[in-house]
């Protein structure tokens, strides 16, 4: 039985239409990358947000000090006693907990990234093996005027200071950019074309938690997914662009990437589009090695 010519023609038109739509989603010869975007003034070094510990709101117990004077800005600072033990702080919001290492007599800046509400904070020290004992704890009620500000400060995971080389590199890369879109593009392009994946470190990271060091990644020009994400987040935060590091799962296992929030609208490249004032996922690790079309499952946000 022969098919009618018009039926075949309709099928061809549908196939071509769907194919063209898919292709144009990832390559459009009429589209400029990155988009021009809306002009905005270049941020300055003086506008970078730095955490402080003024001591106006403090909880102290068993040698631990928690300064939550700037909880309304989205962060707290914690330090432990000089007793030679390994110490940690655990922050719980509803049913999600984050655990961080603490230092002796040096404040560790920790984000309150879950928004407004009540945070439970437990201060712990090592007992034996993988066991920790809670030695102090408290609860604080947090109200932020701008929940995005937490993603403009440095923290233990996205750690930088005024002498960090990644900061000066960020301003160098974006000095001629006149929009948020182009600043994101300049930093993103630099990272995916400059940083190589460190396979040896990846093997170590399977059994050992390694904090990212943004300047080490910048200088060695290599790192794992956590390093890619932390470096990109640091370089964008100092440009006054809220950026958060996400850890979770992809098809190949545990992974880290970033989400970026800008006020602009436009394309970074054929596969990354920013809608106004919405978080957009960017994966510098996979993008440095080739496109990834699998799924993402968020677990923790930093």
C-alpha atoms as a PDB file:
ATOM      1  CA  UNK A   1       0.000   0.000   0.000  1.00  0.00           C
ATOM      2  CA  UNK A   2       1.504   3.304  -1.090  1.00  0.00           C
ATOM      3  CA  UNK A   3       1.540   6.347   1.186  1.00  0.00           C
ATOM      4  CA  UNK A   4      -0.146   9.422  -0.177  1.00  0.00           C
ATOM      5  CA  UNK A   5       2.354  12.095  -1.315  1.00  0.00           C
ATOM      6  CA  UNK A   6       0.761  14.781   0.844  1.00  0.00           C
ATOM      7  CA  UNK A   7       1.170  12.671   3.976  1.00  0.00           C
ATOM      8  CA  UNK A   8       4.867  12.193   3.219  1.00  0.00           C
ATOM      9  CA  UNK A   9       5.201  15.935   2.611  1.00  0.00           C
ATOM     10  CA  UNK A  10       3.606  16.751   5.974  1.00  0.00           C
ATOM     11  CA  UNK A  11       5.949  14.332   7.753  1.00  0.00           C
ATOM     12  CA  UNK A  12       8.974  15.910   6.058  1.00  0.00           C
ATOM     13  CA  UNK A  13       7.813  19.405   7.021  1.00  0.00           C
ATOM     14  CA  UNK A  14       7.313  18.340  10.668  1.00  0.00           C
ATOM     15  CA  UNK A  15      10.734  16.684  10.838  1.00  0.00           C
ATOM     16  CA  UNK A  16      12.437  19.700   9.291  1.00  0.00           C
ATOM     17  CA  UNK A  17      10.559  22.060  11.592  1.00  0.00           C
ATOM     18  CA  UNK A  18      11.458  20.169  14.756  1.00  0.00           C
ATOM     19  CA  UNK A  19      15.048  19.750  13.588  1.00  0.00           C
ATOM     20  CA  UNK A  20      15.386  23.450  12.815  1.00  0.00           C
ATOM     21  CA  UNK A  21      13.963  24.379  16.222  1.00  0.00           C
ATOM     22  CA  UNK A  22      16.442  22.132  18.023  1.00  0.00           C
ATOM     23  CA  UNK A  23      19.395  23.380  15.971  1.00  0.00           C
ATOM     24  CA  UNK A  24      18.474  27.036  16.474  1.00  0.00           C
ATOM     25  CA  UNK A  25      18.335  26.476  20.229  1.00  0.00           C
ATOM     26  CA  UNK A  26      22.067  25.737  20.168  1.00  0.00           C
ATOM     27  CA  UNK A  27      23.186  27.675  17.120  1.00  0.00           C
ATOM     28  CA  UNK A  28      21.528  30.709  15.613  1.00  0.00           C
ATOM     29  CA  UNK A  29      23.509  32.536  12.906  1.00  0.00           C
ATOM     30  CA  UNK A  30      21.388  35.639  13.476  1.00  0.00           C
ATOM     31  CA  UNK A  31      22.122  35.840  17.189  1.00  0.00           C
ATOM     32  CA  UNK A  32      25.086  37.649  18.764  1.00  0.00           C
ATOM     33  CA  UNK A  33      27.048  35.998  21.573  1.00  0.00           C
ATOM     34  CA  UNK A  34      27.153  37.330  24.140  1.00  0.00           C
ATOM     35  CA  UNK A  35      24.144  39.623  23.849  1.00  0.00           C
ATOM     36  CA  UNK A  36      24.906  43.316  24.259  1.00  0.00           C
ATOM     37  CA  UNK A  37      22.783  43.548  27.383  1.00  0.00           C
ATOM     38  CA  UNK A  38      21.813  46.685  29.265  1.00  0.00           C
ATOM     39  CA  UNK A  39      24.663  49.030  30.057  1.00  0.00           C
ATOM     40  CA  UNK A  40      25.600  49.241  33.723  1.00  0.00           C
ATOM     41  CA  UNK A  41      28.549  50.907  35.482  1.00  0.00           C
ATOM     42  CA  UNK A  42      31.647  48.855  36.194  1.00  0.00           C
ATOM     43  CA  UNK A  43      31.743  47.882  39.895  1.00  0.00           C
ATOM     44  CA  UNK A  44      34.772  49.005  41.868  1.00  0.00           C
ATOM     45  CA  UNK A  45      37.036  47.336  44.398  1.00  0.00           C
ATOM     46  CA  UNK A  46      35.580  49.608  47.109  1.00  0.00           C
ATOM     47  CA  UNK A  47      32.127  48.095  46.525  1.00  0.00           C
ATOM     48  CA  UNK A  48      33.204  44.560  47.423  1.00  0.00           C
ATOM     49  CA  UNK A  49      31.372  43.306  50.509  1.00  0.00           C
ATOM     50  CA  UNK A  50      33.616  42.116  53.343  1.00  0.00           C
ATOM     51  CA  UNK A  51      32.389  40.287  56.467  1.00  0.00           C
ATOM     52  CA  UNK A  52      33.064  41.844  59.885  1.00  0.00           C
ATOM     53  CA  UNK A  53      32.536  40.828  63.502  1.00  0.00           C
ATOM     54  CA  UNK A  54      31.493  43.953  65.456  1.00  0.00           C
ATOM     55  CA  UNK A  55      30.309  41.970  68.490  1.00  0.00           C
ATOM     56  CA  UNK A  56      26.864  43.554  68.765  1.00  0.00           C
ATOM     57  CA  UNK A  57      25.180  40.128  68.767  1.00  0.00           C
ATOM     58  CA  UNK A  58      27.274  37.346  70.259  1.00  0.00           C
ATOM     59  CA  UNK A  59      26.747  33.871  71.689  1.00  0.00           C
ATOM     60  CA  UNK A  60      29.648  32.438  73.729  1.00  0.00           C
ATOM     61  CA  UNK A  61      29.941  29.083  75.453  1.00  0.00           C
ATOM     62  CA  UNK A  62      32.721  26.583  76.276  1.00  0.00           C
ATOM     63  CA  UNK A  63      35.309  28.734  74.504  1.00  0.00           C
ATOM     64  CA  UNK A  64      33.276  28.994  71.260  1.00  0.00           C
ATOM     65  CA  UNK A  65      32.226  32.411  69.996  1.00  0.00           C
ATOM     66  CA  UNK A  66      29.410  32.987  67.521  1.00  0.00           C
ATOM     67  CA  UNK A  67      29.096  36.532  66.183  1.00  0.00           C
ATOM     68  CA  UNK A  68      25.743  36.925  64.421  1.00  0.00           C
ATOM     69  CA  UNK A  69      25.763  40.728  64.293  1.00  0.00           C
ATOM     70  CA  UNK A  70      25.304  40.579  60.506  1.00  0.00           C
ATOM     71  CA  UNK A  71      22.845  37.712  60.238  1.00  0.00           C
ATOM     72  CA  UNK A  72      20.595  40.227  58.450  1.00  0.00           C
ATOM     73  CA  UNK A  73      23.298  40.366  55.743  1.00  0.00           C
ATOM     74  CA  UNK A  74      23.232  36.584  55.396  1.00  0.00           C
ATOM     75  CA  UNK A  75      26.251  35.375  57.349  1.00  0.00           C
ATOM     76  CA  UNK A  76      27.582  34.518  60.795  1.00  0.00           C
ATOM     77  CA  UNK A  77      31.156  34.188  62.078  1.00  0.00           C
ATOM     78  CA  UNK A  78      32.292  31.390  64.393  1.00  0.00           C
ATOM     79  CA  UNK A  79      35.568  30.528  66.107  1.00  0.00           C
ATOM     80  CA  UNK A  80      36.565  27.777  68.513  1.00  0.00           C
ATOM     81  CA  UNK A  81      38.838  27.583  71.553  1.00  0.00           C
ATOM     82  CA  UNK A  82      42.576  26.888  71.431  1.00  0.00           C
ATOM     83  CA  UNK A  83      42.395  23.350  72.776  1.00  0.00           C
ATOM     84  CA  UNK A  84      44.102  21.399  69.995  1.00  0.00           C
ATOM     85  CA  UNK A  85      40.963  19.508  68.990  1.00  0.00           C
ATOM     86  CA  UNK A  86      39.217  19.367  65.618  1.00  0.00           C
ATOM     87  CA  UNK A  87      36.110  21.520  65.767  1.00  0.00           C
ATOM     88  CA  UNK A  88      33.029  21.926  63.594  1.00  0.00           C
ATOM     89  CA  UNK A  89      29.889  24.034  63.357  1.00  0.00           C
ATOM     90  CA  UNK A  90      26.618  22.673  62.058  1.00  0.00           C
ATOM     91  CA  UNK A  91      23.910  25.012  60.764  1.00  0.00           C
ATOM     92  CA  UNK A  92      20.398  23.592  60.342  1.00  0.00           C
ATOM     93  CA  UNK A  93      17.480  25.286  58.636  1.00  0.00           C
ATOM     94  CA  UNK A  94      14.283  23.236  58.706  1.00  0.00           C
ATOM     95  CA  UNK A  95      15.489  19.778  57.617  1.00  0.00           C
ATOM     96  CA  UNK A  96      18.708  20.788  55.805  1.00  0.00           C
ATOM     97  CA  UNK A  97      22.057  20.812  57.625  1.00  0.00           C
ATOM     98  CA  UNK A  98      25.474  22.159  56.646  1.00  0.00           C
ATOM     99  CA  UNK A  99      28.626  21.197  58.552  1.00  0.00           C
ATOM    100  CA  UNK A 100      31.812  23.264  58.469  1.00  0.00           C
ATOM    101  CA  UNK A 101      35.304  23.020  59.941  1.00  0.00           C
ATOM    102  CA  UNK A 102      36.269  25.653  62.509  1.00  0.00           C
ATOM    103  CA  UNK A 103      39.627  27.194  63.360  1.00  0.00           C
ATOM    104  CA  UNK A 104      41.142  28.148  66.692  1.00  0.00           C
ATOM    105  CA  UNK A 105      40.839  31.838  67.593  1.00  0.00           C
ATOM    106  CA  UNK A 106      40.163  32.747  63.941  1.00  0.00           C
ATOM    107  CA  UNK A 107      36.660  33.523  62.732  1.00  0.00           C
ATOM    108  CA  UNK A 108      35.207  31.309  60.018  1.00  0.00           C
ATOM    109  CA  UNK A 109      32.541  33.062  57.945  1.00  0.00           C
ATOM    110  CA  UNK A 110      29.516  30.855  57.301  1.00  0.00           C
ATOM    111  CA  UNK A 111      26.551  31.687  55.054  1.00  0.00           C
ATOM    112  CA  UNK A 112      22.874  31.657  55.971  1.00  0.00           C
ATOM    113  CA  UNK A 113      21.875  30.702  52.458  1.00  0.00           C
ATOM    114  CA  UNK A 114      18.403  29.337  53.166  1.00  0.00           C
ATOM    115  CA  UNK A 115      16.687  32.708  53.531  1.00  0.00           C
ATOM    116  CA  UNK A 116      14.630  34.118  56.396  1.00  0.00           C
ATOM    117  CA  UNK A 117      13.664  32.007  59.386  1.00  0.00           C
ATOM    118  CA  UNK A 118      15.115  30.172  62.368  1.00  0.00           C
ATOM    119  CA  UNK A 119      18.593  28.633  62.182  1.00  0.00           C
ATOM    120  CA  UNK A 120      19.834  26.101  64.721  1.00  0.00           C
ATOM    121  CA  UNK A 121      23.592  26.213  65.306  1.00  0.00           C
ATOM    122  CA  UNK A 122      25.498  23.407  66.988  1.00  0.00           C
ATOM    123  CA  UNK A 123      29.159  23.776  67.957  1.00  0.00           C
ATOM    124  CA  UNK A 124      31.064  20.497  68.130  1.00  0.00           C
ATOM    125  CA  UNK A 125      34.475  19.028  68.848  1.00  0.00           C
ATOM    126  CA  UNK A 126      36.073  15.767  67.832  1.00  0.00           C
ATOM    127  CA  UNK A 127      35.693  12.806  70.177  1.00  0.00           C
ATOM    128  CA  UNK A 128      37.083   9.735  68.383  1.00  0.00           C
ATOM    129  CA  UNK A 129      37.016   8.227  64.895  1.00  0.00           C
ATOM    130  CA  UNK A 130      34.273   9.979  62.951  1.00  0.00           C
ATOM    131  CA  UNK A 131      32.435  10.956  66.129  1.00  0.00           C
ATOM    132  CA  UNK A 132      31.858  14.529  67.281  1.00  0.00           C
ATOM    133  CA  UNK A 133      30.213  15.720  70.464  1.00  0.00           C
ATOM    134  CA  UNK A 134      28.035  18.830  70.689  1.00  0.00           C
ATOM    135  CA  UNK A 135      29.458  21.180  73.316  1.00  0.00           C
ATOM    136  CA  UNK A 136      27.262  24.235  72.741  1.00  0.00           C
ATOM    137  CA  UNK A 137      24.328  25.351  70.641  1.00  0.00           C
ATOM    138  CA  UNK A 138      21.823  28.092  70.071  1.00  0.00           C
ATOM    139  CA  UNK A 139      19.096  29.243  67.702  1.00  0.00           C
ATOM    140  CA  UNK A 140      18.888  32.573  65.919  1.00  0.00           C
ATOM    141  CA  UNK A 141      15.982  34.144  64.071  1.00  0.00           C
ATOM    142  CA  UNK A 142      17.069  35.731  60.790  1.00  0.00           C
ATOM    143  CA  UNK A 143      15.378  38.448  58.764  1.00  0.00           C
ATOM    144  CA  UNK A 144      17.238  39.714  55.694  1.00  0.00           C
ATOM    145  CA  UNK A 145      16.199  42.788  53.743  1.00  0.00           C
ATOM    146  CA  UNK A 146      17.843  41.287  50.642  1.00  0.00           C
ATOM    147  CA  UNK A 147      18.333  37.472  50.576  1.00  0.00           C
ATOM    148  CA  UNK A 148      20.653  37.866  47.556  1.00  0.00           C
ATOM    149  CA  UNK A 149      23.354  39.676  49.560  1.00  0.00           C
ATOM    150  CA  UNK A 150      24.580  36.458  51.148  1.00  0.00           C
ATOM    151  CA  UNK A 151      25.786  35.464  47.678  1.00  0.00           C
ATOM    152  CA  UNK A 152      27.959  38.585  47.418  1.00  0.00           C
ATOM    153  CA  UNK A 153      30.133  37.849  50.464  1.00  0.00           C
ATOM    154  CA  UNK A 154      33.109  35.511  50.773  1.00  0.00           C
ATOM    155  CA  UNK A 155      32.649  32.418  52.944  1.00  0.00           C
ATOM    156  CA  UNK A 156      34.559  29.274  53.835  1.00  0.00           C
ATOM    157  CA  UNK A 157      33.674  27.621  50.504  1.00  0.00           C
ATOM    158  CA  UNK A 158      34.072  30.727  48.310  1.00  0.00           C
ATOM    159  CA  UNK A 159      36.983  32.186  50.236  1.00  0.00           C
ATOM    160  CA  UNK A 160      38.808  35.368  49.218  1.00  0.00           C
ATOM    161  CA  UNK A 161      40.266  38.503  50.794  1.00  0.00           C
ATOM    162  CA  UNK A 162      41.597  41.868  49.545  1.00  0.00           C
ATOM    163  CA  UNK A 163      44.922  40.270  48.551  1.00  0.00           C
ATOM    164  CA  UNK A 164      43.376  37.394  46.576  1.00  0.00           C
ATOM    165  CA  UNK A 165      44.755  37.336  43.026  1.00  0.00           C
ATOM    166  CA  UNK A 166      41.454  36.115  41.611  1.00  0.00           C
ATOM    167  CA  UNK A 167      39.897  39.455  42.538  1.00  0.00           C
ATOM    168  CA  UNK A 168      42.364  41.527  40.545  1.00  0.00           C
ATOM    169  CA  UNK A 169      42.000  39.042  37.677  1.00  0.00           C
ATOM    170  CA  UNK A 170      38.237  39.514  37.749  1.00  0.00           C
ATOM    171  CA  UNK A 171      38.571  43.279  37.364  1.00  0.00           C
ATOM    172  CA  UNK A 172      41.206  42.864  34.663  1.00  0.00           C
ATOM    173  CA  UNK A 173      38.957  40.548  32.627  1.00  0.00           C
ATOM    174  CA  UNK A 174      35.904  42.817  32.855  1.00  0.00           C
ATOM    175  CA  UNK A 175      37.491  46.254  32.554  1.00  0.00           C
ATOM    176  CA  UNK A 176      36.047  46.866  29.076  1.00  0.00           C
ATOM    177  CA  UNK A 177      32.645  45.256  29.692  1.00  0.00           C
ATOM    178  CA  UNK A 178      29.636  47.539  29.849  1.00  0.00           C
ATOM    179  CA  UNK A 179      26.935  45.096  30.960  1.00  0.00           C
ATOM    180  CA  UNK A 180      26.394  42.299  33.471  1.00  0.00           C
ATOM    181  CA  UNK A 181      25.996  39.800  30.642  1.00  0.00           C
ATOM    182  CA  UNK A 182      29.389  40.605  29.219  1.00  0.00           C
ATOM    183  CA  UNK A 183      31.049  40.469  32.632  1.00  0.00           C
ATOM    184  CA  UNK A 184      29.606  37.014  33.219  1.00  0.00           C
ATOM    185  CA  UNK A 185      30.743  35.982  29.742  1.00  0.00           C
ATOM    186  CA  UNK A 186      34.310  37.293  30.161  1.00  0.00           C
ATOM    187  CA  UNK A 187      34.848  35.445  33.436  1.00  0.00           C
ATOM    188  CA  UNK A 188      33.081  32.290  32.264  1.00  0.00           C
ATOM    189  CA  UNK A 189      35.051  32.186  29.001  1.00  0.00           C
ATOM    190  CA  UNK A 190      38.357  32.703  30.820  1.00  0.00           C
ATOM    191  CA  UNK A 191      37.691  29.842  33.230  1.00  0.00           C
ATOM    192  CA  UNK A 192      36.515  27.290  30.672  1.00  0.00           C
ATOM    193  CA  UNK A 193      39.408  28.057  28.306  1.00  0.00           C
ATOM    194  CA  UNK A 194      42.146  28.356  30.937  1.00  0.00           C
ATOM    195  CA  UNK A 195      41.481  25.848  33.733  1.00  0.00           C
ATOM    196  CA  UNK A 196      42.192  22.154  33.077  1.00  0.00           C
ATOM    197  CA  UNK A 197      40.543  19.294  34.910  1.00  0.00           C
ATOM    198  CA  UNK A 198      42.788  17.739  37.574  1.00  0.00           C
ATOM    199  CA  UNK A 199      42.176  13.993  37.373  1.00  0.00           C
ATOM    200  CA  UNK A 200      44.650  13.167  40.152  1.00  0.00           C
ATOM    201  CA  UNK A 201      42.925  15.530  42.581  1.00  0.00           C
ATOM    202  CA  UNK A 202      39.565  14.094  41.542  1.00  0.00           C
ATOM    203  CA  UNK A 203      40.704  10.655  42.696  1.00  0.00           C
ATOM    204  CA  UNK A 204      41.775  12.048  46.079  1.00  0.00           C
ATOM    205  CA  UNK A 205      38.477  13.929  46.426  1.00  0.00           C
ATOM    206  CA  UNK A 206      36.537  10.654  46.229  1.00  0.00           C
ATOM    207  CA  UNK A 207      37.588   9.882  49.811  1.00  0.00           C
ATOM    208  CA  UNK A 208      38.754  13.253  51.184  1.00  0.00           C
ATOM    209  CA  UNK A 209      36.853  16.532  51.421  1.00  0.00           C
ATOM    210  CA  UNK A 210      39.043  19.310  49.972  1.00  0.00           C
ATOM    211  CA  UNK A 211      38.138  22.961  50.403  1.00  0.00           C
ATOM    212  CA  UNK A 212      38.534  25.008  47.210  1.00  0.00           C
ATOM    213  CA  UNK A 213      41.380  27.544  47.103  1.00  0.00           C
ATOM    214  CA  UNK A 214      40.607  30.038  44.372  1.00  0.00           C
ATOM    215  CA  UNK A 215      44.137  31.384  43.966  1.00  0.00           C
ATOM    216  CA  UNK A 216      45.608  27.893  43.843  1.00  0.00           C
ATOM    217  CA  UNK A 217      43.213  27.030  41.024  1.00  0.00           C
ATOM    218  CA  UNK A 218      44.067  30.288  39.251  1.00  0.00           C
ATOM    219  CA  UNK A 219      47.829  29.845  39.556  1.00  0.00           C
ATOM    220  CA  UNK A 220      47.997  26.116  38.782  1.00  0.00           C
ATOM    221  CA  UNK A 221      45.346  26.494  36.070  1.00  0.00           C
ATOM    222  CA  UNK A 222      43.774  23.210  37.064  1.00  0.00           C
ATOM    223  CA  UNK A 223      41.224  21.885  39.516  1.00  0.00           C
ATOM    224  CA  UNK A 224      38.151  19.740  40.059  1.00  0.00           C
ATOM    225  CA  UNK A 225      34.520  20.776  39.694  1.00  0.00           C
ATOM    226  CA  UNK A 226      34.442  22.345  43.186  1.00  0.00           C
ATOM    227  CA  UNK A 227      37.450  24.481  42.223  1.00  0.00           C
ATOM    228  CA  UNK A 228      35.927  25.609  38.918  1.00  0.00           C
ATOM    229  CA  UNK A 229      32.719  26.602  40.690  1.00  0.00           C
ATOM    230  CA  UNK A 230      34.362  28.387  43.642  1.00  0.00           C
ATOM    231  CA  UNK A 231      36.706  30.369  41.379  1.00  0.00           C
ATOM    232  CA  UNK A 232      33.868  31.486  39.129  1.00  0.00           C
ATOM    233  CA  UNK A 233      31.695  32.401  42.130  1.00  0.00           C
ATOM    234  CA  UNK A 234      34.464  34.488  43.718  1.00  0.00           C
ATOM    235  CA  UNK A 235      35.223  36.343  40.497  1.00  0.00           C
ATOM    236  CA  UNK A 236      31.553  37.143  39.909  1.00  0.00           C
ATOM    237  CA  UNK A 237      30.702  38.092  43.486  1.00  0.00           C
ATOM    238  CA  UNK A 238      33.284  40.878  43.492  1.00  0.00           C
ATOM    239  CA  UNK A 239      31.552  42.176  40.345  1.00  0.00           C
ATOM    240  CA  UNK A 240      28.372  42.540  42.444  1.00  0.00           C
ATOM    241  CA  UNK A 241      26.764  39.578  40.649  1.00  0.00           C
ATOM    242  CA  UNK A 242      25.094  37.131  43.082  1.00  0.00           C
ATOM    243  CA  UNK A 243      26.544  33.675  42.457  1.00  0.00           C
ATOM    244  CA  UNK A 244      26.051  30.478  44.406  1.00  0.00           C
ATOM    245  CA  UNK A 245      27.915  27.183  44.291  1.00  0.00           C
ATOM    246  CA  UNK A 246      25.689  24.116  44.038  1.00  0.00           C
ATOM    247  CA  UNK A 247      26.749  20.584  44.883  1.00  0.00           C
ATOM    248  CA  UNK A 248      24.670  17.602  43.895  1.00  0.00           C
ATOM    249  CA  UNK A 249      24.439  14.793  41.407  1.00  0.00           C
ATOM    250  CA  UNK A 250      24.692  14.383  37.646  1.00  0.00           C
ATOM    251  CA  UNK A 251      24.712  11.225  35.551  1.00  0.00           C
ATOM    252  CA  UNK A 252      28.418  10.600  36.226  1.00  0.00           C
ATOM    253  CA  UNK A 253      28.157  11.082  40.010  1.00  0.00           C
ATOM    254  CA  UNK A 254      28.722  13.845  42.569  1.00  0.00           C
ATOM    255  CA  UNK A 255      29.388  17.241  41.028  1.00  0.00           C
ATOM    256  CA  UNK A 256      29.547  21.015  41.622  1.00  0.00           C
ATOM    257  CA  UNK A 257      28.417  23.906  39.433  1.00  0.00           C
ATOM    258  CA  UNK A 258      27.186  27.493  39.834  1.00  0.00           C
ATOM    259  CA  UNK A 259      23.977  29.445  39.566  1.00  0.00           C
ATOM    260  CA  UNK A 260      24.164  33.119  38.617  1.00  0.00           C
ATOM    261  CA  UNK A 261      21.583  35.878  39.126  1.00  0.00           C
ATOM    262  CA  UNK A 262      21.604  39.050  37.035  1.00  0.00           C
ATOM    263  CA  UNK A 263      19.115  41.794  36.235  1.00  0.00           C
ATOM    264  CA  UNK A 264      19.815  41.576  32.517  1.00  0.00           C
ATOM    265  CA  UNK A 265      18.333  39.500  29.700  1.00  0.00           C
ATOM    266  CA  UNK A 266      20.257  37.767  26.934  1.00  0.00           C
ATOM    267  CA  UNK A 267      22.434  34.960  25.663  1.00  0.00           C
ATOM    268  CA  UNK A 268      25.894  34.048  26.893  1.00  0.00           C
ATOM    269  CA  UNK A 269      26.374  31.379  24.243  1.00  0.00           C
ATOM    270  CA  UNK A 270      24.008  29.193  22.176  1.00  0.00           C
ATOM    271  CA  UNK A 271      23.034  27.105  25.210  1.00  0.00           C
ATOM    272  CA  UNK A 272      22.999  29.616  28.107  1.00  0.00           C
ATOM    273  CA  UNK A 273      20.218  32.191  28.291  1.00  0.00           C
ATOM    274  CA  UNK A 274      19.579  34.619  31.142  1.00  0.00           C
ATOM    275  CA  UNK A 275      15.988  35.528  31.903  1.00  0.00           C
ATOM    276  CA  UNK A 276      15.630  38.713  33.939  1.00  0.00           C
ATOM    277  CA  UNK A 277      16.207  38.296  37.689  1.00  0.00           C
ATOM    278  CA  UNK A 278      16.203  34.500  37.684  1.00  0.00           C
ATOM    279  CA  UNK A 279      18.923  32.050  38.711  1.00  0.00           C
ATOM    280  CA  UNK A 280      20.660  30.483  35.710  1.00  0.00           C
ATOM    281  CA  UNK A 281      22.756  27.324  35.954  1.00  0.00           C
ATOM    282  CA  UNK A 282      26.265  27.437  34.503  1.00  0.00           C
ATOM    283  CA  UNK A 283      28.636  24.477  34.588  1.00  0.00           C
ATOM    284  CA  UNK A 284      32.209  25.624  33.895  1.00  0.00           C
ATOM    285  CA  UNK A 285      33.641  22.124  34.445  1.00  0.00           C
ATOM    286  CA  UNK A 286      31.573  20.353  31.806  1.00  0.00           C
ATOM    287  CA  UNK A 287      31.632  23.367  29.495  1.00  0.00           C
ATOM    288  CA  UNK A 288      35.432  23.311  29.571  1.00  0.00           C
ATOM    289  CA  UNK A 289      35.368  19.707  28.362  1.00  0.00           C
ATOM    290  CA  UNK A 290      32.293  19.656  26.128  1.00  0.00           C
ATOM    291  CA  UNK A 291      28.532  20.065  26.403  1.00  0.00           C
ATOM    292  CA  UNK A 292      26.589  17.983  28.930  1.00  0.00           C
ATOM    293  CA  UNK A 293      22.946  17.155  28.207  1.00  0.00           C
ATOM    294  CA  UNK A 294      22.165  15.080  31.308  1.00  0.00           C
ATOM    295  CA  UNK A 295      20.140  15.904  34.397  1.00  0.00           C
ATOM    296  CA  UNK A 296      21.137  17.843  37.525  1.00  0.00           C
ATOM    297  CA  UNK A 297      20.012  17.111  41.067  1.00  0.00           C
ATOM    298  CA  UNK A 298      20.728  19.877  43.578  1.00  0.00           C
ATOM    299  CA  UNK A 299      21.769  18.900  47.101  1.00  0.00           C
ATOM    300  CA  UNK A 300      23.561  21.754  48.874  1.00  0.00           C
ATOM    301  CA  UNK A 301      23.883  25.469  48.148  1.00  0.00           C
ATOM    302  CA  UNK A 302      26.826  27.649  49.192  1.00  0.00           C
END
